[in-house]
C-alpha atoms as a PDB file:
ATOM      1  CA  MET A   1      19.267   3.884  18.946  1.00  0.00           C
ATOM      2  CA  GLU A   2      20.057   3.780  15.247  1.00  0.00           C
ATOM      3  CA  TYR A   3      20.356   6.955  13.191  1.00  0.00           C
ATOM      4  CA  GLN A   4      20.719   7.651   9.494  1.00  0.00           C
ATOM      5  CA  ILE A   5      22.810  10.744   8.717  1.00  0.00           C
ATOM      6  CA  GLN A   6      22.898  12.333   5.267  1.00  0.00           C
ATOM      7  CA  ILE A   7      25.716  14.733   4.538  1.00  0.00           C
ATOM      8  CA  ALA A   8      27.207  15.853   1.228  1.00  0.00           C
ATOM      9  CA  GLY A   9      25.104  13.339  -0.709  1.00  0.00           C
ATOM     10  CA  LYS A  10      26.275  10.377   1.347  1.00  0.00           C
ATOM     11  CA  THR A  11      24.286   8.359   3.888  1.00  0.00           C
ATOM     12  CA  TYR A  12      25.776   6.966   7.078  1.00  0.00           C
ATOM     13  CA  ASP A  13      24.100   4.520   9.464  1.00  0.00           C
ATOM     14  CA  LEU A  14      25.198   5.107  13.048  1.00  0.00           C
ATOM     15  CA  GLU A  15      24.199   3.581  16.353  1.00  0.00           C
ATOM     16  CA  LEU A  16      24.320   5.679  19.502  1.00  0.00           C
ATOM     17  CA  GLU A  17      24.505   4.014  22.889  1.00  0.00           C
ATOM     18  CA  ASN A  18      23.713   6.438  25.695  1.00  0.00           C
ATOM     19  CA  HIS A  19      25.726   5.475  28.785  1.00  0.00           C
ATOM     20  CA  ARG A  20      25.430   8.754  30.657  1.00  0.00           C
ATOM     21  CA  PRO A  21      27.423  10.884  30.785  1.00  0.00           C
ATOM     22  CA  GLU A  22      29.099   9.230  27.771  1.00  0.00           C
ATOM     23  CA  ILE A  23      27.560   8.495  24.360  1.00  0.00           C
ATOM     24  CA  LYS A  24      29.173   5.663  22.419  1.00  0.00           C
ATOM     25  CA  ILE A  25      29.020   5.920  18.603  1.00  0.00           C
ATOM     26  CA  ILE A  26      29.082   2.707  16.557  1.00  0.00           C
ATOM     27  CA  TYR A  27      29.765   2.836  12.795  1.00  0.00           C
ATOM     28  CA  ARG A  28      29.911  -0.347  10.715  1.00  0.00           C
ATOM     29  CA  GLY A  29      29.923  -2.374  13.923  1.00  0.00           C
ATOM     30  CA  LYS A  30      32.953  -0.623  15.415  1.00  0.00           C
ATOM     31  CA  PRO A  31      33.169   2.098  18.088  1.00  0.00           C
ATOM     32  CA  VAL A  32      34.153   5.533  16.792  1.00  0.00           C
ATOM     33  CA  PRO A  33      36.889   7.314  18.803  1.00  0.00           C
ATOM     34  CA  TYR A  34      35.735  10.891  19.259  1.00  0.00           C
ATOM     35  CA  ASP A  35      35.596  13.841  21.627  1.00  0.00           C
ATOM     36  CA  PHE A  36      32.945  16.539  21.140  1.00  0.00           C
ATOM     37  CA  LYS A  37      32.874  19.647  23.348  1.00  0.00           C
ATOM     38  CA  GLN A  38      30.930  22.888  23.164  1.00  0.00           C
ATOM     39  CA  ILE A  39      33.188  25.944  23.107  1.00  0.00           C
ATOM     40  CA  HIS A  40      30.610  28.697  22.607  1.00  0.00           C
ATOM     41  CA  ALA A  41      26.887  29.027  21.633  1.00  0.00           C
ATOM     42  CA  ASN A  42      26.984  27.092  18.307  1.00  0.00           C
ATOM     43  CA  LEU A  43      30.722  26.439  18.199  1.00  0.00           C
ATOM     44  CA  TYR A  44      32.220  23.037  19.044  1.00  0.00           C
ATOM     45  CA  SER A  45      35.513  21.224  19.074  1.00  0.00           C
ATOM     46  CA  LEU A  46      35.469  17.749  17.506  1.00  0.00           C
ATOM     47  CA  ILE A  47      38.296  15.250  17.660  1.00  0.00           C
ATOM     48  CA  LEU A  48      37.486  12.367  15.317  1.00  0.00           C
ATOM     49  CA  TYR A  49      39.901   9.472  14.778  1.00  0.00           C
ATOM     50  CA  GLY A  50      42.627  11.671  16.303  1.00  0.00           C
ATOM     51  CA  LYS A  51      42.091  14.662  13.990  1.00  0.00           C
ATOM     52  CA  GLN A  52      40.763  17.933  15.428  1.00  0.00           C
ATOM     53  CA  TYR A  53      38.007  19.951  13.741  1.00  0.00           C
ATOM     54  CA  ARG A  54      36.343  23.244  14.507  1.00  0.00           C
ATOM     55  CA  VAL A  55      32.572  22.840  14.055  1.00  0.00           C
ATOM     56  CA  TRP A  56      29.801  25.418  13.873  1.00  0.00           C
ATOM     57  CA  LEU A  57      26.420  23.687  14.227  1.00  0.00           C
ATOM     58  CA  LYS A  58      22.881  25.057  14.298  1.00  0.00           C
ATOM     59  CA  SER A  59      19.544  23.283  14.024  1.00  0.00           C
ATOM     60  CA  ALA A  60      17.477  24.213  10.971  1.00  0.00           C
ATOM     61  CA  GLY A  61      14.468  22.255  12.294  1.00  0.00           C
ATOM     62  CA  ASN A  62      12.906  18.897  11.377  1.00  0.00           C
ATOM     63  CA  GLY A  63      16.140  16.954  11.866  1.00  0.00           C
ATOM     64  CA  SER A  64      18.089  19.241   9.562  1.00  0.00           C
ATOM     65  CA  TYR A  65      21.244  21.045  10.660  1.00  0.00           C
ATOM     66  CA  ASN A  66      23.495  23.698   9.174  1.00  0.00           C
ATOM     67  CA  LEU A  67      27.078  22.687   9.783  1.00  0.00           C
ATOM     68  CA  VAL A  68      30.379  24.369   9.009  1.00  0.00           C
ATOM     69  CA  LEU A  69      33.323  22.001   9.385  1.00  0.00           C
ATOM     70  CA  ASP A  70      36.696  23.760   9.143  1.00  0.00           C
ATOM     71  CA  GLN A  71      35.137  26.546   7.003  1.00  0.00           C
ATOM     72  CA  THR A  72      33.285  24.111   4.683  1.00  0.00           C
ATOM     73  CA  PRO A  73      29.465  24.444   4.911  1.00  0.00           C
ATOM     74  CA  PHE A  74      27.169  21.391   4.858  1.00  0.00           C
ATOM     75  CA  THR A  75      23.517  20.620   5.390  1.00  0.00           C
ATOM     76  CA  VAL A  76      23.046  17.538   7.539  1.00  0.00           C
ATOM     77  CA  GLU A  77      19.828  15.496   7.722  1.00  0.00           C
ATOM     78  CA  VAL A  78      19.373  13.225  10.752  1.00  0.00           C
ATOM     79  CA  GLU A  79      16.641  10.585  11.101  1.00  0.00           C
ATOM     80  CA  ASP A  80      16.223   8.111  13.925  1.00  0.00           C
ATOM     81  CA  GLU A  81      14.533   4.703  13.657  1.00  0.00           C
ATOM     82  CA  ARG A  82      11.101   6.082  14.486  1.00  0.00           C
ATOM     83  CA  GLN A  83      11.304   8.891  11.930  1.00  0.00           C
ATOM     84  CA  ARG A  84      12.398   6.454   9.205  1.00  0.00           C
ATOM     85  CA  LEU A  85       9.540   4.119  10.069  1.00  0.00           C
ATOM     86  CA  ARG A  86       6.985   6.928   9.917  1.00  0.00           C
ATOM     87  CA  LYS A  87       8.405   8.062   6.597  1.00  0.00           C
ATOM     88  CA  SER A  88       8.138   4.541   5.241  1.00  0.00           C
ATOM     89  CA  PHE A  89       4.387   4.445   5.912  1.00  0.00           C
ATOM     90  CA  ARG A  90       3.666   5.453   2.401  1.00  0.00           C
ATOM     91  CA  THR A  91       0.622   6.302   0.429  1.00  0.00           C
ATOM     92  CA  ALA A  92      -0.124   4.556  -2.850  1.00  0.00           C
ATOM     93  CA  GLU A  93      -0.477   6.714  -5.912  1.00  0.00           C
ATOM     94  CA  THR A  94      -3.810   8.486  -6.020  1.00  0.00           C
ATOM     95  CA  LYS A  95      -5.982   6.781  -8.594  1.00  0.00           C
ATOM     96  CA  SER A  96      -7.630   8.847 -11.316  1.00  0.00           C
ATOM     97  CA  THR A  97     -10.887   8.215  -9.428  1.00  0.00           C
ATOM     98  CA  GLY A  98      -9.694  10.538  -6.636  1.00  0.00           C
ATOM     99  CA  VAL A  99      -9.241   7.689  -4.145  1.00  0.00           C
ATOM    100  CA  THR A 100      -6.086   7.577  -2.028  1.00  0.00           C
ATOM    101  CA  GLU A 101      -5.061   4.191  -0.634  1.00  0.00           C
ATOM    102  CA  ILE A 102      -3.120   4.049   2.620  1.00  0.00           C
ATOM    103  CA  LEU A 103      -0.744   1.052   2.688  1.00  0.00           C
ATOM    104  CA  ALA A 104       1.327  -0.504   5.476  1.00  0.00           C
ATOM    105  CA  PRO A 105       5.099  -0.358   4.940  1.00  0.00           C
ATOM    106  CA  MET A 106       5.889  -3.382   7.119  1.00  0.00           C
ATOM    107  CA  PRO A 107       4.233  -6.057   9.211  1.00  0.00           C
ATOM    108  CA  GLY A 108       2.631  -4.866  12.420  1.00  0.00           C
ATOM    109  CA  LEU A 109      -0.475  -4.821  14.568  1.00  0.00           C
ATOM    110  CA  VAL A 110      -3.379  -2.372  14.263  1.00  0.00           C
ATOM    111  CA  SER A 111      -3.679  -1.123  17.843  1.00  0.00           C
ATOM    112  CA  GLN A 112      -6.233   1.645  17.317  1.00  0.00           C
ATOM    113  CA  ILE A 113      -8.514   2.981  14.579  1.00  0.00           C
ATOM    114  CA  GLU A 114      -9.172   6.699  15.022  1.00  0.00           C
ATOM    115  CA  VAL A 115     -11.727   7.237  12.227  1.00  0.00           C
ATOM    116  CA  GLU A 116     -14.914   5.692  10.872  1.00  0.00           C
ATOM    117  CA  ALA A 117     -16.219   5.109   7.349  1.00  0.00           C
ATOM    118  CA  ASP A 118     -17.843   8.235   5.853  1.00  0.00           C
ATOM    119  CA  GLN A 119     -15.978  10.485   8.303  1.00  0.00           C
ATOM    120  CA  GLN A 120     -14.403  13.627   6.859  1.00  0.00           C
ATOM    121  CA  VAL A 121     -10.664  13.936   7.488  1.00  0.00           C
ATOM    122  CA  GLU A 122      -8.095  16.637   6.941  1.00  0.00           C
ATOM    123  CA  ALA A 123      -4.541  16.235   5.724  1.00  0.00           C
ATOM    124  CA  GLY A 124      -2.366  15.471   8.756  1.00  0.00           C
ATOM    125  CA  GLN A 125      -5.228  14.044  10.825  1.00  0.00           C
ATOM    126  CA  GLY A 126      -4.563  10.734  12.578  1.00  0.00           C
ATOM    127  CA  LEU A 127      -6.270   7.734  10.975  1.00  0.00           C
ATOM    128  CA  LEU A 128      -4.973   4.720  12.875  1.00  0.00           C
ATOM    129  CA  ILE A 129      -2.125   3.502  15.027  1.00  0.00           C
ATOM    130  CA  VAL A 130       0.070   0.587  14.008  1.00  0.00           C
ATOM    131  CA  GLU A 131       2.512  -1.104  16.370  1.00  0.00           C
ATOM    132  CA  ALA A 132       5.694  -2.214  14.638  1.00  0.00           C
ATOM    133  CA  MET A 133       9.135  -2.939  16.061  1.00  0.00           C
ATOM    134  CA  LYS A 134       7.942  -2.128  19.612  1.00  0.00           C
ATOM    135  CA  MET A 135       6.859   1.351  18.527  1.00  0.00           C
ATOM    136  CA  GLU A 136       3.414   2.888  18.077  1.00  0.00           C
ATOM    137  CA  ASN A 137       3.133   4.805  14.837  1.00  0.00           C
ATOM    138  CA  GLU A 138       0.225   7.071  14.018  1.00  0.00           C
ATOM    139  CA  ILE A 139      -0.731   6.942  10.356  1.00  0.00           C
ATOM    140  CA  LYS A 140      -1.976  10.340   9.213  1.00  0.00           C
ATOM    141  CA  SER A 141      -4.080  11.336   6.253  1.00  0.00           C
ATOM    142  CA  PRO A 142      -2.070  12.759   3.364  1.00  0.00           C
ATOM    143  CA  VAL A 143      -5.171  14.426   1.896  1.00  0.00           C
ATOM    144  CA  ASN A 144      -8.445  16.174   2.760  1.00  0.00           C
ATOM    145  CA  GLY A 145     -11.373  13.897   2.077  1.00  0.00           C
ATOM    146  CA  THR A 146     -13.846  11.336   3.342  1.00  0.00           C
ATOM    147  CA  VAL A 147     -12.951   7.868   4.621  1.00  0.00           C
ATOM    148  CA  LYS A 148     -14.340   5.581   1.927  1.00  0.00           C
ATOM    149  CA  LYS A 149     -13.555   2.210   3.470  1.00  0.00           C
ATOM    150  CA  ILE A 150     -11.514   0.812   6.356  1.00  0.00           C
ATOM    151  CA  HIS A 151      -9.963  -2.530   5.417  1.00  0.00           C
ATOM    152  CA  VAL A 152      -8.615  -3.507   8.853  1.00  0.00           C
ATOM    153  CA  ASN A 153      -9.939  -3.963  12.383  1.00  0.00           C
ATOM    154  CA  GLN A 154      -8.368  -3.127  15.716  1.00  0.00           C
ATOM    155  CA  GLY A 155      -6.109  -6.024  16.734  1.00  0.00           C
ATOM    156  CA  ASP A 156      -5.475  -7.194  13.154  1.00  0.00           C
ATOM    157  CA  ALA A 157      -1.991  -8.362  12.272  1.00  0.00           C
ATOM    158  CA  ILE A 158      -1.016  -6.765   8.963  1.00  0.00           C
ATOM    159  CA  GLU A 159       1.601  -7.515   6.354  1.00  0.00           C
ATOM    160  CA  LYS A 160       3.770  -5.110   4.394  1.00  0.00           C
ATOM    161  CA  ASP A 161       1.778  -3.274   1.694  1.00  0.00           C
ATOM    162  CA  ALA A 162      -1.571  -4.301   3.246  1.00  0.00           C
ATOM    163  CA  LEU A 163      -4.364  -1.930   2.257  1.00  0.00           C
ATOM    164  CA  LEU A 164      -5.356  -0.179   5.489  1.00  0.00           C
ATOM    165  CA  LEU A 165      -7.994   2.258   4.278  1.00  0.00           C
ATOM    166  CA  GLU A 166      -9.196   4.344   1.355  1.00  0.00           C
ATOM    167  CA  ILE A 167      -9.979   8.056   1.311  1.00  0.00           C
ATOM    168  CA  ASN A 168     -12.127   9.827  -1.288  1.00  0.00           C
ATOM    169  CA  GLU A 169     -10.271  13.062  -1.930  1.00  0.00           C
ATOM    170  CA  MET A 170     -12.048  16.387  -1.691  1.00  0.00           C
ATOM    171  CA  VAL A 171     -11.613  18.439  -4.802  1.00  0.00           C
END
């Protein structure tokens, strides 16, 4: 699976291949020589490209980690393919009319519509499911409001930036 790691203002794209009990790390198409062992609760030993590091690592939630590498603190953000895809399902700017448009970030297939026109929705509520890249992604409402219009049907193939539905915002 592919991961995007952000640390110290830099972004790294890594691929992890899980061949239990071993995990192979690929960076820029090449395997990364490493050894990573837990020493104590949040303390680890890391050997990376032949250099040894002492690492303190603790999850801060939502794919964020607090990391101290040889006494230097960092915040690390980790996103996998699915998280990046969900994040890319973006909402168009809310028009001055109070209507929020939900757009598709990439081509896919509408596999399920979870709401109806004139239905009230809350922020975070599921609206529809789009299959893209062999993954099902639930599109959630970014606002409280009423579904104004649904522009797609179940089974529709959609293109990037296709208008999926509109929501009249509650004030």
